[in-house]
């Protein structure tokens, strides 16, 4: 381990990727970029909560609210970048 709480970066990275997939899937159903970002973030955050809840039942695993926060932050960063690129390209 390189530094303490390194696992939070793994969580953020995984949910960054999940948010990219959520955006790509949901863009076929939601036309407004701001709404697409919000719905994608809600999906990713709820998935993170359900994953942490599931881990609380698995022997050898623990559930941590900070893991969920890292999940949500990773998704939010991805969606912010996608939103900025989408709206910038649309108004050029």
C-alpha atoms as a PDB file:
ATOM      1  CA  UNK A   1       0.000   0.000   0.000  1.00  0.00           C
ATOM      2  CA  UNK A   2       1.420   3.375  -1.012  1.00  0.00           C
ATOM      3  CA  UNK A   3      -0.604   5.527   1.356  1.00  0.00           C
ATOM      4  CA  UNK A   4      -3.431   5.378   3.853  1.00  0.00           C
ATOM      5  CA  UNK A   5      -6.958   5.245   2.396  1.00  0.00           C
ATOM      6  CA  UNK A   6      -5.659   4.265  -1.027  1.00  0.00           C
ATOM      7  CA  UNK A   7      -8.782   2.140  -1.453  1.00  0.00           C
ATOM      8  CA  UNK A   8     -10.864   5.316  -1.745  1.00  0.00           C
ATOM      9  CA  UNK A   9      -9.103   6.086  -5.034  1.00  0.00           C
ATOM     10  CA  UNK A  10     -10.016   2.602  -6.269  1.00  0.00           C
ATOM     11  CA  UNK A  11     -13.634   3.236  -5.334  1.00  0.00           C
ATOM     12  CA  UNK A  12     -13.641   6.629  -7.062  1.00  0.00           C
ATOM     13  CA  UNK A  13     -12.003   5.170 -10.171  1.00  0.00           C
ATOM     14  CA  UNK A  14     -14.452   2.291 -10.432  1.00  0.00           C
ATOM     15  CA  UNK A  15     -17.465   4.572 -10.065  1.00  0.00           C
ATOM     16  CA  UNK A  16     -15.927   7.072 -12.509  1.00  0.00           C
ATOM     17  CA  UNK A  17     -16.110   4.268 -15.077  1.00  0.00           C
ATOM     18  CA  UNK A  18     -19.605   3.230 -13.957  1.00  0.00           C
ATOM     19  CA  UNK A  19     -20.777   6.819 -14.472  1.00  0.00           C
ATOM     20  CA  UNK A  20     -19.384   6.822 -18.026  1.00  0.00           C
ATOM     21  CA  UNK A  21     -21.376   3.678 -18.785  1.00  0.00           C
ATOM     22  CA  UNK A  22     -24.504   5.052 -17.085  1.00  0.00           C
ATOM     23  CA  UNK A  23     -24.278   8.282 -19.116  1.00  0.00           C
ATOM     24  CA  UNK A  24     -23.782   6.364 -22.342  1.00  0.00           C
ATOM     25  CA  UNK A  25     -26.766   4.092 -21.679  1.00  0.00           C
ATOM     26  CA  UNK A  26     -29.145   6.753 -20.387  1.00  0.00           C
ATOM     27  CA  UNK A  27     -28.397   9.319 -23.112  1.00  0.00           C
ATOM     28  CA  UNK A  28     -30.670   7.299 -25.403  1.00  0.00           C
ATOM     29  CA  UNK A  29     -33.598   8.038 -23.088  1.00  0.00           C
ATOM     30  CA  UNK A  30     -32.811  11.493 -21.642  1.00  0.00           C
ATOM     31  CA  UNK A  31     -32.094  14.396 -23.998  1.00  0.00           C
ATOM     32  CA  UNK A  32     -31.229  17.188 -21.551  1.00  0.00           C
ATOM     33  CA  UNK A  33     -27.583  16.953 -20.450  1.00  0.00           C
ATOM     34  CA  UNK A  34     -28.208  18.363 -16.954  1.00  0.00           C
ATOM     35  CA  UNK A  35     -30.993  15.837 -16.312  1.00  0.00           C
ATOM     36  CA  UNK A  36     -28.868  13.056 -17.758  1.00  0.00           C
ATOM     37  CA  UNK A  37     -26.075  13.957 -15.334  1.00  0.00           C
ATOM     38  CA  UNK A  38     -28.433  14.069 -12.347  1.00  0.00           C
ATOM     39  CA  UNK A  39     -30.114  10.749 -13.134  1.00  0.00           C
ATOM     40  CA  UNK A  40     -26.741   9.092 -13.789  1.00  0.00           C
ATOM     41  CA  UNK A  41     -25.378  10.398 -10.491  1.00  0.00           C
ATOM     42  CA  UNK A  42     -28.429   9.187  -8.580  1.00  0.00           C
ATOM     43  CA  UNK A  43     -28.087   5.759 -10.197  1.00  0.00           C
ATOM     44  CA  UNK A  44     -24.379   5.493  -9.357  1.00  0.00           C
ATOM     45  CA  UNK A  45     -24.863   6.718  -5.807  1.00  0.00           C
ATOM     46  CA  UNK A  46     -27.721   4.299  -5.141  1.00  0.00           C
ATOM     47  CA  UNK A  47     -25.674   1.479  -6.620  1.00  0.00           C
ATOM     48  CA  UNK A  48     -22.832   2.423  -4.268  1.00  0.00           C
ATOM     49  CA  UNK A  49     -25.169   2.348  -1.274  1.00  0.00           C
ATOM     50  CA  UNK A  50     -26.524  -1.041  -2.291  1.00  0.00           C
ATOM     51  CA  UNK A  51     -22.988  -2.377  -2.753  1.00  0.00           C
ATOM     52  CA  UNK A  52     -21.936  -1.211   0.722  1.00  0.00           C
ATOM     53  CA  UNK A  53     -25.105  -2.688   2.230  1.00  0.00           C
ATOM     54  CA  UNK A  54     -24.418  -5.989   0.469  1.00  0.00           C
ATOM     55  CA  UNK A  55     -20.846  -6.024   1.798  1.00  0.00           C
ATOM     56  CA  UNK A  56     -22.146  -5.756   5.350  1.00  0.00           C
ATOM     57  CA  UNK A  57     -23.501  -9.302   4.977  1.00  0.00           C
ATOM     58  CA  UNK A  58     -20.324 -10.832   3.515  1.00  0.00           C
ATOM     59  CA  UNK A  59     -17.829 -12.445   5.889  1.00  0.00           C
ATOM     60  CA  UNK A  60     -14.444 -10.760   5.741  1.00  0.00           C
ATOM     61  CA  UNK A  61     -15.841  -7.573   4.188  1.00  0.00           C
ATOM     62  CA  UNK A  62     -16.912  -4.376   5.862  1.00  0.00           C
ATOM     63  CA  UNK A  63     -19.311  -1.621   4.977  1.00  0.00           C
ATOM     64  CA  UNK A  64     -17.987   1.940   5.123  1.00  0.00           C
ATOM     65  CA  UNK A  65     -19.840   5.199   4.498  1.00  0.00           C
ATOM     66  CA  UNK A  66     -16.570   6.747   3.289  1.00  0.00           C
ATOM     67  CA  UNK A  67     -16.383   4.135   0.539  1.00  0.00           C
ATOM     68  CA  UNK A  68     -19.847   5.228  -0.602  1.00  0.00           C
ATOM     69  CA  UNK A  69     -18.761   8.879  -0.512  1.00  0.00           C
ATOM     70  CA  UNK A  70     -15.708   8.014  -2.639  1.00  0.00           C
ATOM     71  CA  UNK A  71     -17.998   6.141  -5.060  1.00  0.00           C
ATOM     72  CA  UNK A  72     -20.277   9.144  -5.401  1.00  0.00           C
ATOM     73  CA  UNK A  73     -17.403  11.610  -5.804  1.00  0.00           C
ATOM     74  CA  UNK A  74     -15.826   9.478  -8.535  1.00  0.00           C
ATOM     75  CA  UNK A  75     -19.128   9.353 -10.409  1.00  0.00           C
ATOM     76  CA  UNK A  76     -19.685  13.084  -9.932  1.00  0.00           C
ATOM     77  CA  UNK A  77     -16.274  13.916 -11.406  1.00  0.00           C
ATOM     78  CA  UNK A  78     -16.953  11.815 -14.498  1.00  0.00           C
ATOM     79  CA  UNK A  79     -20.394  13.307 -14.977  1.00  0.00           C
ATOM     80  CA  UNK A  80     -19.120  16.850 -14.506  1.00  0.00           C
ATOM     81  CA  UNK A  81     -16.527  16.296 -17.234  1.00  0.00           C
ATOM     82  CA  UNK A  82     -19.086  14.713 -19.569  1.00  0.00           C
ATOM     83  CA  UNK A  83     -21.561  17.521 -18.934  1.00  0.00           C
ATOM     84  CA  UNK A  84     -18.945  20.207 -19.631  1.00  0.00           C
ATOM     85  CA  UNK A  85     -17.801  18.567 -22.881  1.00  0.00           C
ATOM     86  CA  UNK A  86     -21.375  17.984 -24.015  1.00  0.00           C
ATOM     87  CA  UNK A  87     -22.592  21.513 -23.377  1.00  0.00           C
ATOM     88  CA  UNK A  88     -19.393  23.082 -24.755  1.00  0.00           C
ATOM     89  CA  UNK A  89     -19.659  21.110 -28.000  1.00  0.00           C
ATOM     90  CA  UNK A  90     -23.343  21.964 -28.348  1.00  0.00           C
ATOM     91  CA  UNK A  91     -22.834  25.731 -28.079  1.00  0.00           C
ATOM     92  CA  UNK A  92     -19.845  26.102 -30.436  1.00  0.00           C
END
